[in-house]
Protein backbone atom coordinates (compact mmCIF):
# COMPACT_ATOMS: atom_id res chain seq x y z
CA ASP A 1 131.69 160.13 121.20
CA GLY A 2 128.25 161.34 120.20
CA ASN A 3 128.68 160.61 116.42
CA HIS A 4 125.37 160.06 115.33
CA ARG A 5 126.25 158.83 112.06
CA LEU A 6 128.25 155.77 113.77
CA THR A 7 125.15 155.08 116.24
CA LEU A 8 122.75 154.95 113.64
CA GLY A 9 124.97 152.65 112.05
CA LEU A 10 125.48 150.71 114.88
CA ILE A 11 122.00 150.05 115.64
CA TRP A 12 121.19 148.87 111.71
CA THR A 13 123.81 146.06 112.02
CA ILE A 14 121.98 145.07 115.38
CA ILE A 15 118.99 144.88 113.28
CA LEU A 16 120.68 143.30 110.29
CA ARG A 17 121.84 140.43 112.63
CA PHE A 18 119.18 139.76 114.70
CA GLN A 19 116.14 140.55 112.81
CA ILE A 20 116.91 139.96 109.27
CA GLN A 21 119.47 138.10 108.19
CA VAL A 22 117.15 135.15 109.86
CA ILE A 23 114.80 135.52 107.38
CA LYS A 24 114.42 132.30 105.24
CA ILE A 25 111.88 132.16 102.32
CA GLU A 26 110.75 128.71 100.72
CA THR A 27 110.80 128.97 96.91
CA GLU A 28 110.21 125.79 94.40
CA ASP A 29 113.80 126.21 93.78
CA ASN A 30 115.63 126.25 97.09
CA ARG A 31 119.04 126.24 95.83
CA GLU A 32 118.80 129.79 95.04
CA THR A 33 120.83 132.00 97.45
CA ARG A 34 119.37 135.38 98.27
CA SER A 35 120.34 138.01 100.53
CA ALA A 36 118.44 139.01 103.50
CA LYS A 37 116.91 142.08 101.80
CA ASP A 38 116.07 140.12 98.90
CA ALA A 39 114.50 137.29 100.70
CA LEU A 40 112.12 139.94 102.50
CA LEU A 41 111.24 141.68 99.50
CA LEU A 42 110.56 138.12 98.05
CA TRP A 43 108.35 137.12 100.81
CA CYS A 44 106.47 140.77 100.95
CA GLN A 45 105.86 140.04 96.94
CA MET A 46 104.53 136.41 97.50
CA LYS A 47 101.98 137.54 100.30
CA THR A 48 100.79 140.26 98.25
CA ALA A 49 100.55 138.77 94.83
CA GLY A 50 96.92 139.37 93.34
CA TYR A 51 96.13 142.57 95.57
CA PRO A 52 95.08 145.58 93.27
CA GLY A 53 97.12 148.24 93.10
CA VAL A 54 99.85 146.60 95.18
CA ASN A 55 103.28 145.88 93.38
CA ILE A 56 106.03 145.85 95.44
CA GLN A 57 109.62 146.22 94.16
CA ASN A 58 111.70 147.91 96.54
CA PHE A 59 111.39 149.36 100.49
CA THR A 60 110.73 152.96 99.19
CA SER A 61 108.30 154.16 96.66
CA SER A 62 106.31 150.95 96.57
CA TRP A 63 105.38 151.38 100.24
CA LYS A 64 104.22 155.36 99.84
CA ASP A 65 100.46 154.81 99.26
CA GLY A 66 99.76 152.39 102.43
CA LEU A 67 98.42 149.55 99.93
CA ALA A 68 100.92 146.89 100.67
CA PHE A 69 101.37 147.17 104.41
CA ASN A 70 97.38 146.77 104.43
CA ALA A 71 97.89 144.03 101.67
CA LEU A 72 100.22 142.17 104.38
CA ILE A 73 98.21 142.27 106.94
CA HIS A 74 94.68 141.54 105.11
CA ARG A 75 96.62 138.34 103.52
CA HIS A 76 97.20 136.82 107.09
CA ARG A 77 93.89 138.52 109.26
CA GLN A 78 91.31 139.14 106.69
CA ASP A 79 89.09 140.24 109.53
CA LEU A 80 91.46 143.43 110.49
CA VAL A 81 91.55 145.37 107.22
CA ASP A 82 88.82 145.93 104.19
CA PHE A 83 91.05 145.85 101.46
CA SER A 84 88.45 146.32 98.83
CA LYS A 85 87.15 149.70 100.52
CA LEU A 86 91.08 151.29 100.33
CA GLN A 87 91.84 154.08 97.84
CA LYS A 88 95.40 154.28 96.51
CA SER A 89 95.02 158.24 96.14
CA ASN A 90 94.20 158.19 100.56
CA SER A 91 97.93 157.42 101.05
CA THR A 92 97.69 159.09 104.95
CA PHE A 93 94.47 157.01 105.45
CA ASN A 94 95.80 153.67 104.36
CA LEU A 95 99.08 153.96 106.25
CA GLN A 96 97.63 155.03 109.22
CA GLN A 97 94.92 152.42 109.55
CA ALA A 98 97.77 149.73 108.72
CA PHE A 99 99.86 151.12 111.69
CA ASN A 100 96.96 151.27 113.95
CA ALA A 101 95.69 147.87 113.15
CA ALA A 102 99.32 146.26 113.32
CA GLU A 103 100.01 148.17 117.10
CA GLN A 104 96.46 147.57 118.01
CA ARG A 105 95.62 144.07 117.05
CA LEU A 106 98.87 142.47 116.64
CA GLY A 107 101.11 144.23 118.92
CA VAL A 108 103.34 145.40 116.36
CA ALA A 109 105.09 148.68 117.25
CA LYS A 110 104.38 151.81 115.50
CA LEU A 111 107.87 152.47 114.31
CA LEU A 112 106.59 154.67 111.73
CA ASP A 113 104.30 157.53 111.08
CA PRO A 114 102.36 158.29 107.77
CA GLU A 115 104.81 161.16 106.94
CA ASP A 116 107.55 158.85 107.25
CA VAL A 117 106.63 156.71 104.37
CA ASN A 118 104.38 159.14 102.08
CA THR A 119 107.12 161.11 101.49
CA GLU A 120 109.23 161.99 97.93
CA ASN A 121 112.19 159.60 99.46
CA PRO A 122 111.09 157.17 102.13
CA ASP A 123 114.24 155.92 104.01
CA GLU A 124 114.80 152.27 103.02
CA LYS A 125 116.08 150.96 106.29
CA SER A 126 113.28 152.19 108.07
CA ILE A 127 110.87 150.32 106.31
CA ILE A 128 112.53 147.32 106.20
CA THR A 129 113.11 147.30 109.97
CA TYR A 130 109.44 147.87 110.43
CA VAL A 131 108.02 145.28 107.58
CA VAL A 132 110.54 142.93 109.25
CA SER A 133 108.14 142.97 112.16
CA TYR A 134 105.54 141.80 109.87
CA TYR A 135 107.18 139.05 109.15
CA HIS A 136 108.40 137.61 112.31
CA TYR A 137 104.88 138.09 113.86
CA PHE A 138 103.14 136.61 110.90
CA SER A 139 106.05 133.59 110.79
CA LYS A 140 105.19 133.08 114.51
CA MET A 141 101.40 132.96 113.76
CA LYS A 142 102.13 130.42 111.05
CA ALA A 143 104.34 128.36 113.16
CA LEU A 144 101.48 128.42 116.34
CA ALA A 145 98.89 127.25 113.58
CA VAL A 146 101.09 124.25 112.65
CA GLU A 147 101.82 123.45 115.95
CA GLY A 148 97.87 123.85 116.70
CA LYS A 149 97.18 121.40 113.99
CA ARG A 150 99.81 119.10 115.02
CA ILE A 151 98.26 119.29 118.72
CA GLY A 152 94.71 119.14 117.01
CA LYS A 153 95.58 115.50 115.54
CA VAL A 154 97.18 114.04 118.68
CA LEU A 155 93.85 114.98 120.21
CA ASP A 156 92.03 113.81 117.79
CA LYS A 157 93.61 110.52 118.02
CA ALA A 158 93.48 109.93 121.43
CA LEU A 159 89.79 111.21 121.45
CA GLU A 160 89.08 108.32 118.99
CA ILE A 161 91.24 105.54 121.08
CA GLU A 162 88.76 106.97 123.88
CA HIS A 163 85.87 106.25 121.51
CA VAL A 164 86.70 102.56 120.76
CA ILE A 165 87.44 102.09 124.79
CA ALA A 166 84.17 102.81 125.48
CA ARG A 167 82.43 100.89 123.07
CA TYR A 168 84.52 97.91 124.18
CA GLU A 169 83.41 98.55 127.55
CA SER A 170 79.97 99.32 126.97
CA LEU A 171 79.95 96.24 124.48
CA ALA A 172 81.54 94.00 127.44
CA THR A 173 79.29 94.96 129.89
CA GLU A 174 76.03 94.34 127.81
CA LEU A 175 77.25 91.08 126.52
CA LEU A 176 78.42 90.06 130.07
CA GLU A 177 75.02 90.98 131.48
CA TRP A 178 72.95 88.91 128.77
CA ILE A 179 75.15 85.73 129.41
CA ALA A 180 74.38 86.28 133.21
CA ARG A 181 70.43 86.60 132.37
CA THR A 182 70.63 83.69 129.77
CA ILE A 183 72.30 81.48 132.13
CA THR A 184 69.81 82.04 135.02
CA LEU A 185 67.02 81.92 132.59
CA ILE A 186 68.15 78.37 131.20
CA SER A 187 68.77 76.90 134.75
CA SER A 188 65.73 77.61 136.52
CA GLN A 189 62.94 76.99 133.69
CA ARG A 190 60.41 74.41 134.85
CA PHE A 191 59.37 71.55 132.22
CA ALA A 192 55.91 71.66 130.75
CA ASN A 193 53.32 69.14 132.34
CA SER A 194 52.74 67.77 128.72
CA LEU A 195 54.10 66.45 125.63
CA ALA A 196 53.05 69.50 123.49
CA GLY A 197 54.61 72.08 126.00
CA VAL A 198 58.01 70.22 126.30
CA GLN A 199 58.25 69.66 122.59
CA GLN A 200 57.33 73.78 122.62
CA GLN A 201 60.11 74.32 124.94
CA LEU A 202 62.68 72.31 123.03
CA GLN A 203 61.54 74.36 119.84
CA VAL A 204 62.30 77.60 121.65
CA PHE A 205 65.45 76.53 122.96
CA THR A 206 66.65 75.27 119.26
CA THR A 207 65.46 78.73 118.31
CA TYR A 208 67.66 80.40 120.94
CA CYS A 209 70.79 78.22 119.66
CA THR A 210 70.16 78.93 115.89
CA VAL A 211 69.05 82.68 115.84
CA GLU A 212 70.05 84.70 119.62
CA LYS A 213 73.04 82.81 120.29
CA PRO A 214 74.94 83.40 117.21
CA PHE A 215 74.50 86.84 117.32
CA LYS A 216 75.89 87.32 120.33
CA PHE A 217 78.73 85.12 119.29
CA ASP A 218 79.43 87.78 116.42
CA GLU A 219 79.51 90.29 119.71
CA LYS A 220 82.16 88.48 121.26
CA GLY A 221 84.11 88.40 118.39
CA LYS A 222 83.71 92.02 117.67
CA LEU A 223 84.86 92.41 121.34
CA GLU A 224 88.18 90.96 120.40
CA VAL A 225 88.31 92.96 117.61
CA LEU A 226 87.76 96.37 119.34
CA LEU A 227 90.50 95.30 122.04
CA PHE A 228 92.78 94.73 119.06
CA THR A 229 92.02 97.77 117.58
CA ILE A 230 92.88 99.79 120.82
CA GLN A 231 96.03 98.33 121.55
CA SER A 232 97.51 98.65 118.00
CA LYS A 233 96.31 102.41 118.13
CA LEU A 234 97.99 102.88 121.37
CA ARG A 235 101.40 101.06 120.19
CA ALA A 236 101.25 103.13 117.20
CA ASN A 237 101.35 106.22 119.36
CA ASN A 238 103.71 105.22 121.93
CA GLN A 239 101.37 104.97 124.53
CA GLN A 240 100.65 102.35 127.16
CA LEU A 241 98.47 99.64 126.17
CA TYR A 242 94.99 99.79 127.46
CA GLN A 243 93.80 97.35 130.65
CA ALA A 244 90.14 96.98 130.57
CA PRO A 245 88.53 97.01 133.96
CA ASP A 246 88.15 94.00 136.23
CA GLY A 247 85.64 91.55 134.83
CA GLN A 248 85.45 93.15 131.62
CA LEU A 249 88.98 91.15 130.03
CA ILE A 250 88.42 88.69 127.16
CA SER A 251 89.16 86.24 129.47
CA ASP A 252 86.35 87.04 131.82
CA VAL A 253 84.16 87.04 128.86
CA ASN A 254 85.55 83.51 127.65
CA ARG A 255 84.96 81.81 131.07
CA ALA A 256 81.36 83.49 131.13
CA TRP A 257 80.75 82.08 127.74
CA GLY A 258 81.81 78.66 128.73
CA ARG A 259 79.50 78.60 131.61
CA LEU A 260 76.56 79.34 129.29
CA GLU A 261 77.60 76.71 127.04
CA LYS A 262 77.67 74.07 130.01
CA ALA A 263 74.12 75.66 131.32
CA GLU A 264 72.84 74.88 127.52
CA HIS A 265 74.30 71.36 127.40
CA GLU A 266 72.83 70.60 130.47
CA ARG A 267 69.28 72.16 129.56
CA GLU A 268 69.05 70.27 126.20
CA GLY A 269 70.12 67.03 127.71
CA ALA A 270 67.18 67.43 129.93
CA LEU A 271 64.86 68.89 127.87
CA ARG A 272 65.24 65.65 125.87
CA LYS A 273 64.99 63.28 128.62
CA GLU A 274 61.56 64.81 129.78
CA LEU A 275 60.69 64.76 126.25
CA ILE A 276 60.95 61.12 126.24
CA ARG A 277 59.28 60.77 129.61
CA GLN A 278 56.55 62.71 128.49
CA GLU A 279 56.07 60.56 124.96
CA LYS A 280 56.33 57.29 127.27
CA LEU A 281 53.75 58.74 129.67
CA GLU A 282 51.32 59.73 126.63
CA GLN A 283 51.83 55.83 125.30
CA LEU A 284 50.54 54.90 128.34
CA ALA A 285 47.87 57.17 128.50
């Protein structure tokens, strides 16, 4: 019916319902119930605490010099405002800077002009409506930051598991290659043509059994620990268990280790027989 007062009242009711009443402020005493306006005021006070010249007690005169708007922006985005250079007496500049930064860098609609705020009686509802835009933007930014941290933790865990898998596969490859080389060396080595030579060969073999092999046996144990660690981490994250590549299973390593010990047993037996033969030849000589 063209009644401007009723129209503006309806608009304010919509803003109050969908923009302001959803505001929730975390305090030390969560049992305290606050109106949406008081909750928004408390949020502003908490975010601007410690800023010189800023003392928010209402949604009218506390905002006239523009420092409160700049403090809110600086609290969340220090790169947008150099608060230390602002002067309380330069209200128009302060307000213009805050409104431009919010619009151009944050995407917050410029609902006010400096002259709307820097006046004898600023409109409370207009300032509340604009400040609510700050609240929603920065609350969303905080939520995104929290979600980003959560995703970051998930990625860190995934990268950690990938790192352990890489260590497992590298160690398995190196150990299996060492076993294959050692079996070939043990099986193909010829005997010396003298008693001293065979004795030296037996000494070398003994050193291998007491020094080199125990170190590789420890690596075999580390391989099993790595696999256990991988599977435990995957279970904790509710992920599918790791399947080692063909030929790198613990069972593959155990079978290769069994072939190594068989080759060692045969080599040791052959060395001792050859040692006895060389001792007899030397006695005959």
